[in-house]
Amino acid sequence: MSSGRIGPAKAGRRMRRLTSEKVGPRPAVIRRAIAFLHAKGVQLPKRDEAPLFHRVAWRFGMAIAPPAYAGWFANFVILGVAFALGWGVIVCAVTLVLDGALPPRLYLAVALMAVCMGIIRAFQFQRLQRRVGLPGWRAFLRQHAGDAREDDRVNSAS
C-alpha cells in the first residue's frame, strides 16, 4: 500500500505541470519565478499566485512581475484597479436592475473600495515578501533571467 506520498522526482514533474500547463503559456521567467516561490515553500491559491490580469498579460507575452515579487505601489495599482473593474461592474449592474439609474455616489463607493482593496492586497504581498525573504522583481531578474532564456531555447528546440 502506498502512504500517499510521492517521491521528489515525481513531485518535481507534477509541480512543473501544474505551474505551466494548467494556467496557459507563460514566459519562462514567470515559470521560473513561480517555481522559485514553490521551492521556498510558498503555496499560494491560484488567484494570488497568478491573478486574472497577470494571466492575460502573460498570455500576450508580457513578463510583468507576479504579485509576490512586485513592489507595494505596483500591487496597489494593479490589484486595486482589477478589483474595481470586477466589483464595480457587478454593483453597477445590480443597481441598474433594481433602481434603473446609477447614483453619482456609486462611483465614489467603487473608487473607495478599490483604494481600500488595493491597500489591503499590497500589504498582504509585502508581508509575504518579508516573511519568506523574496527578492524584488528586478533582483530576481538579475539572478535568474539567463536561466529563463536558456529554458526558452530548450523549449523552442523540442
Protein backbone atom coordinates (compact mmCIF):
# COMPACT_ATOMS: atom_id res chain seq x y z
CA MET A 1 0.00 0.00 0.00
CA SER A 2 1.13 3.49 -0.75
CA SER A 3 1.47 6.01 2.06
CA GLY A 4 0.05 8.75 -0.17
CA ARG A 5 3.40 10.48 -0.53
CA ILE A 6 5.13 10.94 -3.85
CA GLY A 7 8.84 10.94 -4.48
CA PRO A 8 10.86 14.09 -5.22
CA ALA A 9 11.25 13.35 -8.94
CA LYS A 10 7.55 12.78 -9.40
CA ALA A 11 6.73 15.87 -7.30
CA GLY A 12 9.05 17.98 -9.48
CA ARG A 13 7.33 16.80 -12.66
CA ARG A 14 3.94 17.42 -11.06
CA MET A 15 4.93 20.93 -9.97
CA ARG A 16 6.19 21.82 -13.45
CA ARG A 17 2.97 20.51 -14.97
CA LEU A 18 0.80 22.47 -12.51
CA THR A 19 2.71 25.72 -12.86
CA SER A 20 3.00 25.82 -16.63
CA GLU A 21 0.37 23.72 -18.37
CA LYS A 22 -2.74 24.26 -16.27
CA VAL A 23 -2.83 28.06 -16.47
CA GLY A 24 -1.65 28.55 -20.02
CA PRO A 25 1.53 29.63 -21.73
CA ARG A 26 3.76 31.84 -19.61
CA PRO A 27 7.11 33.41 -20.33
CA ALA A 28 9.94 31.27 -18.98
CA VAL A 29 10.97 33.88 -16.43
CA ILE A 30 7.46 33.77 -14.94
CA ARG A 31 7.52 29.98 -14.76
CA ARG A 32 10.90 30.19 -13.05
CA ALA A 33 9.64 32.83 -10.60
CA ILE A 34 6.67 30.71 -9.58
CA ALA A 35 8.86 27.61 -9.27
CA PHE A 36 11.22 29.66 -7.06
CA LEU A 37 8.22 30.57 -4.89
CA HIS A 38 7.29 26.90 -4.57
CA ALA A 39 10.88 26.00 -3.75
CA LYS A 40 10.73 28.47 -0.85
CA GLY A 41 7.73 26.52 0.45
CA VAL A 42 5.11 29.10 -0.53
CA GLN A 43 1.87 27.60 -1.81
CA LEU A 44 -0.49 30.40 -2.80
CA PRO A 45 -4.00 29.97 -4.15
CA LYS A 46 -4.25 30.43 -7.93
CA ARG A 47 -5.94 33.83 -7.51
CA ASP A 48 -2.91 35.09 -5.56
CA GLU A 49 -0.17 33.32 -7.49
CA ALA A 50 -1.48 34.39 -10.87
CA PRO A 51 -4.43 36.82 -10.81
CA LEU A 52 -6.57 37.14 -13.93
CA PHE A 53 -4.93 40.38 -15.12
CA HIS A 54 -1.47 38.80 -14.81
CA ARG A 55 -2.51 35.61 -16.64
CA VAL A 56 -3.88 37.64 -19.54
CA ALA A 57 -0.72 39.77 -19.72
CA TRP A 58 1.48 36.66 -19.59
CA ARG A 59 -0.55 35.03 -22.35
CA PHE A 60 0.30 38.03 -24.55
CA GLY A 61 3.99 37.58 -23.69
CA MET A 62 4.33 40.43 -21.20
CA ALA A 63 6.60 39.40 -18.35
CA ILE A 64 5.08 41.59 -15.62
CA ALA A 65 6.00 40.65 -12.08
CA PRO A 66 3.83 38.16 -10.22
CA PRO A 67 2.24 39.89 -7.22
CA ALA A 68 4.54 38.10 -4.78
CA TYR A 69 7.56 39.82 -6.38
CA ALA A 70 6.03 43.19 -7.32
CA GLY A 71 6.51 46.31 -5.28
CA TRP A 72 3.91 47.78 -2.97
CA PHE A 73 2.75 50.51 -5.36
CA ALA A 74 2.51 48.17 -8.36
CA ASN A 75 0.37 45.74 -6.37
CA PHE A 76 -1.76 48.61 -5.05
CA VAL A 77 -2.50 49.92 -8.54
CA ILE A 78 -2.91 46.63 -10.42
CA LEU A 79 -4.90 44.74 -7.80
CA GLY A 80 -6.98 47.79 -6.83
CA VAL A 81 -7.94 48.55 -10.43
CA ALA A 82 -8.69 44.88 -11.15
CA PHE A 83 -10.94 44.73 -8.08
CA ALA A 84 -12.68 47.97 -9.06
CA LEU A 85 -13.39 46.68 -12.55
CA GLY A 86 -14.82 43.38 -11.37
CA TRP A 87 -16.71 44.58 -8.32
CA GLY A 88 -17.77 47.85 -9.95
CA VAL A 89 -19.36 46.11 -12.93
CA ILE A 90 -21.33 43.79 -10.64
CA VAL A 91 -22.51 46.60 -8.35
CA CYS A 92 -23.45 48.84 -11.27
CA ALA A 93 -25.37 46.03 -12.98
CA VAL A 94 -27.31 45.20 -9.81
CA THR A 95 -28.06 48.88 -9.18
CA LEU A 96 -29.26 49.36 -12.76
CA VAL A 97 -31.58 46.38 -12.48
CA LEU A 98 -33.01 47.41 -9.10
CA ASP A 99 -33.14 51.21 -9.46
CA GLY A 100 -32.92 51.85 -13.18
CA ALA A 101 -30.22 54.52 -12.73
CA LEU A 102 -26.72 54.89 -11.32
CA PRO A 103 -26.41 57.41 -8.47
CA PRO A 104 -23.22 59.51 -8.56
CA ARG A 105 -22.27 58.26 -5.08
CA LEU A 106 -21.93 54.76 -6.52
CA TYR A 107 -18.82 55.79 -8.47
CA LEU A 108 -17.29 57.19 -5.30
CA ALA A 109 -18.10 53.97 -3.43
CA VAL A 110 -16.48 51.84 -6.13
CA ALA A 111 -13.37 54.05 -6.14
CA LEU A 112 -13.14 53.97 -2.35
CA MET A 113 -13.47 50.17 -2.28
CA ALA A 114 -10.77 49.89 -4.97
CA VAL A 115 -8.39 52.01 -2.90
CA CYS A 116 -9.12 50.00 0.26
CA MET A 117 -8.73 46.65 -1.51
CA GLY A 118 -5.56 47.80 -3.27
CA ILE A 119 -4.01 48.83 0.06
CA ILE A 120 -5.00 45.59 1.78
CA ARG A 121 -3.69 43.35 -1.02
CA ALA A 122 -0.48 45.35 -1.40
CA PHE A 123 0.27 44.99 2.31
CA GLN A 124 -0.51 41.24 2.17
CA PHE A 125 2.05 40.68 -0.57
CA GLN A 126 4.60 42.97 1.10
CA ARG A 127 4.25 40.91 4.29
CA LEU A 128 4.71 37.70 2.27
CA GLN A 129 7.88 39.10 0.65
CA ARG A 130 9.37 39.96 4.04
CA ARG A 131 8.31 36.71 5.74
CA VAL A 132 9.74 34.44 3.02
CA GLY A 133 12.65 36.69 2.03
CA LEU A 134 11.71 37.02 -1.63
CA PRO A 135 13.83 39.34 -3.74
CA GLY A 136 12.21 42.19 -5.61
CA TRP A 137 11.36 41.61 -9.26
CA ARG A 138 14.43 43.40 -10.62
CA ALA A 139 16.74 41.49 -8.29
CA PHE A 140 15.08 38.23 -9.30
CA LEU A 141 15.53 39.09 -12.99
CA ARG A 142 19.23 39.84 -12.47
CA GLN A 143 19.71 36.47 -10.76
CA HIS A 144 17.52 34.25 -12.96
CA ALA A 145 16.90 35.89 -16.35
CA GLY A 146 19.75 33.97 -18.02
CA ASP A 147 18.31 30.67 -16.78
CA ALA A 148 14.91 31.59 -18.20
CA ARG A 149 16.34 32.45 -21.62
CA GLU A 150 18.05 29.06 -21.60
CA ASP A 151 14.71 27.38 -20.78
CA ASP A 152 13.08 29.20 -23.72
CA ARG A 153 15.76 27.91 -26.10
CA VAL A 154 15.34 24.35 -24.84
CA ASN A 155 11.53 24.53 -25.08
CA SER A 156 11.56 26.01 -28.57
CA ALA A 157 14.05 23.37 -29.81
CA SER A 158 11.88 20.48 -28.65
